[in-house]
Amino acid sequence: MAFFKVKVQRECNTTRHFNVVATRPQEALQAAALQLRDEGVADAKSIEVIGQISSLRD
């Protein structure tokens, strides 16, 4: 497992960053999308993996 930092751009031009645990970058995107769905966020324009990080605190 690896830690990834994911950036979400919303339609209201706000940016949100997530730290997620996944084995591949594609899984990090899926984890971020599921977290957004669980929080009721429906206006995401883009989700991108910024990079791999060393811990969830970074």
PDB file of N, CA and C in Angstrom:
ATOM      1  N   MET A   1       0.836  -1.173   0.000  1.00  0.00           N
ATOM      2  CA  MET A   1       0.000   0.000   0.000  1.00  0.00           C
ATOM      3  C   MET A   1       0.890   1.250   0.000  1.00  0.00           C
ATOM      4  N   ALA A   2       0.387   2.275  -0.654  1.00  0.00           N
ATOM      5  CA  ALA A   2       1.107   3.543  -0.740  1.00  0.00           C
ATOM      6  C   ALA A   2       0.153   4.673  -0.391  1.00  0.00           C
ATOM      7  N   PHE A   3       0.713   5.820  -0.104  1.00  0.00           N
ATOM      8  CA  PHE A   3      -0.070   6.998   0.221  1.00  0.00           C
ATOM      9  C   PHE A   3      -0.012   7.965  -0.953  1.00  0.00           C
ATOM     10  N   PHE A   4      -1.157   8.503  -1.337  1.00  0.00           N
ATOM     11  CA  PHE A   4      -1.224   9.434  -2.460  1.00  0.00           C
ATOM     12  C   PHE A   4      -1.946  10.705  -2.042  1.00  0.00           C
ATOM     13  N   LYS A   5      -1.505  11.832  -2.598  1.00  0.00           N
ATOM     14  CA  LYS A   5      -2.202  13.098  -2.423  1.00  0.00           C
ATOM     15  C   LYS A   5      -3.027  13.329  -3.681  1.00  0.00           C
ATOM     16  N   VAL A   6      -4.325  13.593  -3.482  1.00  0.00           N
ATOM     17  CA  VAL A   6      -5.274  13.754  -4.580  1.00  0.00           C
ATOM     18  C   VAL A   6      -5.869  15.158  -4.504  1.00  0.00           C
ATOM     19  N   LYS A   7      -5.972  15.819  -5.655  1.00  0.00           N
ATOM     20  CA  LYS A   7      -6.546  17.165  -5.728  1.00  0.00           C
ATOM     21  C   LYS A   7      -7.884  17.106  -6.445  1.00  0.00           C
ATOM     22  N   VAL A   8      -8.893  17.758  -5.852  1.00  0.00           N
ATOM     23  CA  VAL A   8     -10.238  17.797  -6.430  1.00  0.00           C
ATOM     24  C   VAL A   8     -10.578  19.253  -6.741  1.00  0.00           C
ATOM     25  N   GLN A   9     -10.918  19.539  -7.975  1.00  0.00           N
ATOM     26  CA  GLN A   9     -11.364  20.874  -8.393  1.00  0.00           C
ATOM     27  C   GLN A   9     -12.878  20.839  -8.500  1.00  0.00           C
ATOM     28  N   ARG A  10     -13.527  21.772  -7.811  1.00  0.00           N
ATOM     29  CA  ARG A  10     -14.992  21.811  -7.827  1.00  0.00           C
ATOM     30  C   ARG A  10     -15.484  22.921  -8.741  1.00  0.00           C
ATOM     31  N   GLU A  11     -16.750  22.852  -9.126  1.00  0.00           N
ATOM     32  CA  GLU A  11     -17.327  23.834 -10.046  1.00  0.00           C
ATOM     33  C   GLU A  11     -17.368  25.232  -9.466  1.00  0.00           C
ATOM     34  N   CYS A  12     -17.406  25.350  -8.140  1.00  0.00           N
ATOM     35  CA  CYS A  12     -17.397  26.668  -7.509  1.00  0.00           C
ATOM     36  C   CYS A  12     -15.966  27.200  -7.367  1.00  0.00           C
ATOM     37  N   ASN A  13     -15.028  26.607  -8.109  1.00  0.00           N
ATOM     38  CA  ASN A  13     -13.619  27.016  -8.170  1.00  0.00           C
ATOM     39  C   ASN A  13     -12.894  26.903  -6.838  1.00  0.00           C
ATOM     40  N   THR A  14     -13.321  25.993  -5.999  1.00  0.00           N
ATOM     41  CA  THR A  14     -12.573  25.691  -4.786  1.00  0.00           C
ATOM     42  C   THR A  14     -11.806  24.396  -5.018  1.00  0.00           C
ATOM     43  N   THR A  15     -10.688  24.282  -4.354  1.00  0.00           N
ATOM     44  CA  THR A  15      -9.832  23.106  -4.487  1.00  0.00           C
ATOM     45  C   THR A  15      -9.775  22.397  -3.145  1.00  0.00           C
ATOM     46  N   ARG A  16      -9.799  21.099  -3.191  1.00  0.00           N
ATOM     47  CA  ARG A  16      -9.714  20.295  -1.976  1.00  0.00           C
ATOM     48  C   ARG A  16      -8.669  19.218  -2.193  1.00  0.00           C
ATOM     49  N   HIS A  17      -7.895  18.935  -1.159  1.00  0.00           N
ATOM     50  CA  HIS A  17      -6.861  17.901  -1.226  1.00  0.00           C
ATOM     51  C   HIS A  17      -7.205  16.766  -0.272  1.00  0.00           C
ATOM     52  N   PHE A  18      -6.970  15.546  -0.727  1.00  0.00           N
ATOM     53  CA  PHE A  18      -7.179  14.348   0.075  1.00  0.00           C
ATOM     54  C   PHE A  18      -5.870  13.586   0.140  1.00  0.00           C
ATOM     55  N   ASN A  19      -5.615  12.957   1.277  1.00  0.00           N
ATOM     56  CA  ASN A  19      -4.558  11.965   1.385  1.00  0.00           C
ATOM     57  C   ASN A  19      -5.253  10.614   1.470  1.00  0.00           C
ATOM     58  N   VAL A  20      -4.932   9.722   0.535  1.00  0.00           N
ATOM     59  CA  VAL A  20      -5.596   8.425   0.496  1.00  0.00           C
ATOM     60  C   VAL A  20      -4.573   7.289   0.458  1.00  0.00           C
ATOM     61  N   VAL A  21      -5.025   6.123   0.871  1.00  0.00           N
ATOM     62  CA  VAL A  21      -4.195   4.916   0.839  1.00  0.00           C
ATOM     63  C   VAL A  21      -4.679   4.054  -0.313  1.00  0.00           C
ATOM     64  N   ALA A  22      -3.752   3.656  -1.173  1.00  0.00           N
ATOM     65  CA  ALA A  22      -4.095   2.812  -2.320  1.00  0.00           C
ATOM     66  C   ALA A  22      -2.833   2.092  -2.791  1.00  0.00           C
ATOM     67  N   THR A  23      -3.034   1.118  -3.661  1.00  0.00           N
ATOM     68  CA  THR A  23      -1.874   0.420  -4.209  1.00  0.00           C
ATOM     69  C   THR A  23      -1.423   1.031  -5.528  1.00  0.00           C
ATOM     70  N   ARG A  24      -2.354   1.686  -6.237  1.00  0.00           N
ATOM     71  CA  ARG A  24      -2.031   2.310  -7.524  1.00  0.00           C
ATOM     72  C   ARG A  24      -2.712   3.676  -7.604  1.00  0.00           C
ATOM     73  N   PRO A  25      -2.220   4.558  -8.466  1.00  0.00           N
ATOM     74  CA  PRO A  25      -2.851   5.875  -8.613  1.00  0.00           C
ATOM     75  C   PRO A  25      -4.329   5.800  -9.023  1.00  0.00           C
ATOM     76  N   GLN A  26      -4.692   4.808  -9.853  1.00  0.00           N
ATOM     77  CA  GLN A  26      -6.089   4.675 -10.264  1.00  0.00           C
ATOM     78  C   GLN A  26      -6.994   4.385  -9.062  1.00  0.00           C
ATOM     79  N   GLU A  27      -6.500   3.588  -8.144  1.00  0.00           N
ATOM     80  CA  GLU A  27      -7.270   3.276  -6.945  1.00  0.00           C
ATOM     81  C   GLU A  27      -7.388   4.497  -6.040  1.00  0.00           C
ATOM     82  N   ALA A  28      -6.375   5.366  -6.049  1.00  0.00           N
ATOM     83  CA  ALA A  28      -6.436   6.605  -5.271  1.00  0.00           C
ATOM     84  C   ALA A  28      -7.540   7.511  -5.814  1.00  0.00           C
ATOM     85  N   LEU A  29      -7.690   7.564  -7.137  1.00  0.00           N
ATOM     86  CA  LEU A  29      -8.767   8.353  -7.742  1.00  0.00           C
ATOM     87  C   LEU A  29     -10.129   7.800  -7.337  1.00  0.00           C
ATOM     88  N   GLN A  30     -10.260   6.491  -7.367  1.00  0.00           N
ATOM     89  CA  GLN A  30     -11.521   5.866  -6.985  1.00  0.00           C
ATOM     90  C   GLN A  30     -11.851   6.127  -5.515  1.00  0.00           C
ATOM     91  N   ALA A  31     -10.843   6.054  -4.655  1.00  0.00           N
ATOM     92  CA  ALA A  31     -11.066   6.300  -3.228  1.00  0.00           C
ATOM     93  C   ALA A  31     -11.512   7.738  -2.989  1.00  0.00           C
ATOM     94  N   ALA A  32     -10.908   8.687  -3.695  1.00  0.00           N
ATOM     95  CA  ALA A  32     -11.305  10.094  -3.550  1.00  0.00           C
ATOM     96  C   ALA A  32     -12.728  10.299  -4.057  1.00  0.00           C
ATOM     97  N   ALA A  33     -13.069   9.685  -5.180  1.00  0.00           N
ATOM     98  CA  ALA A  33     -14.425   9.824  -5.730  1.00  0.00           C
ATOM     99  C   ALA A  33     -15.463   9.236  -4.774  1.00  0.00           C
ATOM    100  N   LEU A  34     -15.159   8.103  -4.168  1.00  0.00           N
ATOM    101  CA  LEU A  34     -16.083   7.501  -3.203  1.00  0.00           C
ATOM    102  C   LEU A  34     -16.244   8.374  -1.960  1.00  0.00           C
ATOM    103  N   GLN A  35     -15.146   8.976  -1.511  1.00  0.00           N
ATOM    104  CA  GLN A  35     -15.223   9.853  -0.346  1.00  0.00           C
ATOM    105  C   GLN A  35     -16.066  11.085  -0.656  1.00  0.00           C
ATOM    106  N   LEU A  36     -15.903  11.644  -1.848  1.00  0.00           N
ATOM    107  CA  LEU A  36     -16.724  12.784  -2.244  1.00  0.00           C
ATOM    108  C   LEU A  36     -18.202  12.395  -2.300  1.00  0.00           C
ATOM    109  N   ARG A  37     -18.476  11.240  -2.865  1.00  0.00           N
ATOM    110  CA  ARG A  37     -19.864  10.770  -2.954  1.00  0.00           C
ATOM    111  C   ARG A  37     -20.463  10.587  -1.571  1.00  0.00           C
ATOM    112  N   ASP A  38     -19.693  10.021  -0.645  1.00  0.00           N
ATOM    113  CA  ASP A  38     -20.178   9.812   0.715  1.00  0.00           C
ATOM    114  C   ASP A  38     -20.470  11.128   1.425  1.00  0.00           C
ATOM    115  N   GLU A  39     -19.728  12.178   1.063  1.00  0.00           N
ATOM    116  CA  GLU A  39     -19.928  13.496   1.675  1.00  0.00           C
ATOM    117  C   GLU A  39     -21.008  14.303   0.953  1.00  0.00           C
ATOM    118  N   GLY A  40     -21.547  13.772  -0.136  1.00  0.00           N
ATOM    119  CA  GLY A  40     -22.609  14.460  -0.861  1.00  0.00           C
ATOM    120  C   GLY A  40     -22.123  15.520  -1.833  1.00  0.00           C
ATOM    121  N   VAL A  41     -20.851  15.495  -2.175  1.00  0.00           N
ATOM    122  CA  VAL A  41     -20.295  16.460  -3.122  1.00  0.00           C
ATOM    123  C   VAL A  41     -20.589  15.963  -4.534  1.00  0.00           C
ATOM    124  N   ALA A  42     -21.327  16.759  -5.315  1.00  0.00           N
ATOM    125  CA  ALA A  42     -21.707  16.333  -6.662  1.00  0.00           C
ATOM    126  C   ALA A  42     -21.216  17.295  -7.738  1.00  0.00           C
ATOM    127  N   ASP A  43     -20.410  18.291  -7.367  1.00  0.00           N
ATOM    128  CA  ASP A  43     -19.998  19.297  -8.350  1.00  0.00           C
ATOM    129  C   ASP A  43     -18.495  19.268  -8.651  1.00  0.00           C
ATOM    130  N   ALA A  44     -17.885  18.095  -8.543  1.00  0.00           N
ATOM    131  CA  ALA A  44     -16.456  17.984  -8.835  1.00  0.00           C
ATOM    132  C   ALA A  44     -16.223  18.052 -10.346  1.00  0.00           C
ATOM    133  N   LYS A  45     -15.311  18.936 -10.762  1.00  0.00           N
ATOM    134  CA  LYS A  45     -14.955  19.048 -12.179  1.00  0.00           C
ATOM    135  C   LYS A  45     -13.836  18.085 -12.540  1.00  0.00           C
ATOM    136  N   SER A  46     -12.848  17.980 -11.651  1.00  0.00           N
ATOM    137  CA  SER A  46     -11.718  17.106 -11.957  1.00  0.00           C
ATOM    138  C   SER A  46     -11.144  16.530 -10.668  1.00  0.00           C
ATOM    139  N   ILE A  47     -10.592  15.342 -10.814  1.00  0.00           N
ATOM    140  CA  ILE A  47      -9.887  14.677  -9.723  1.00  0.00           C
ATOM    141  C   ILE A  47      -8.558  14.210 -10.296  1.00  0.00           C
ATOM    142  N   GLU A  48      -7.462  14.591  -9.640  1.00  0.00           N
ATOM    143  CA  GLU A  48      -6.159  14.171 -10.149  1.00  0.00           C
ATOM    144  C   GLU A  48      -5.236  13.785  -9.006  1.00  0.00           C
ATOM    145  N   VAL A  49      -4.373  12.817  -9.274  1.00  0.00           N
ATOM    146  CA  VAL A  49      -3.369  12.410  -8.304  1.00  0.00           C
ATOM    147  C   VAL A  49      -2.191  13.358  -8.458  1.00  0.00           C
ATOM    148  N   ILE A  50      -1.857  14.051  -7.372  1.00  0.00           N
ATOM    149  CA  ILE A  50      -0.720  14.983  -7.404  1.00  0.00           C
ATOM    150  C   ILE A  50       0.579  14.204  -7.302  1.00  0.00           C
ATOM    151  N   GLY A  51       0.598  13.198  -6.428  1.00  0.00           N
ATOM    152  CA  GLY A  51       1.801  12.392  -6.316  1.00  0.00           C
ATOM    153  C   GLY A  51       1.745  11.466  -5.112  1.00  0.00           C
ATOM    154  N   GLN A  52       2.790  10.696  -4.979  1.00  0.00           N
ATOM    155  CA  GLN A  52       2.897   9.763  -3.857  1.00  0.00           C
ATOM    156  C   GLN A  52       3.555  10.493  -2.701  1.00  0.00           C
ATOM    157  N   ILE A  53       3.068  10.255  -1.495  1.00  0.00           N
ATOM    158  CA  ILE A  53       3.626  10.897  -0.309  1.00  0.00           C
ATOM    159  C   ILE A  53       4.115   9.827   0.655  1.00  0.00           C
ATOM    160  N   SER A  54       4.909  10.252   1.642  1.00  0.00           N
ATOM    161  CA  SER A  54       5.517   9.274   2.536  1.00  0.00           C
ATOM    162  C   SER A  54       4.608   8.849   3.687  1.00  0.00           C
ATOM    163  N   SER A  55       3.647   9.699   4.057  1.00  0.00           N
ATOM    164  CA  SER A  55       2.703   9.324   5.110  1.00  0.00           C
ATOM    165  C   SER A  55       1.409  10.100   4.926  1.00  0.00           C
ATOM    166  N   LEU A  56       0.371   9.712   5.631  1.00  0.00           N
ATOM    167  CA  LEU A  56      -0.904  10.403   5.519  1.00  0.00           C
ATOM    168  C   LEU A  56      -0.863  11.804   6.106  1.00  0.00           C
ATOM    169  N   ARG A  57       0.144  12.124   6.891  1.00  0.00           N
ATOM    170  CA  ARG A  57       0.263  13.448   7.495  1.00  0.00           C
ATOM    171  C   ARG A  57       0.876  14.478   6.561  1.00  0.00           C
ATOM    172  N   ASP A  58       1.506  14.075   5.475  1.00  0.00           N
ATOM    173  CA  ASP A  58       2.168  15.024   4.552  1.00  0.00           C
ATOM    174  C   ASP A  58       1.166  15.859   3.806  1.00  0.00           C
TER     175      ASP A  58
END
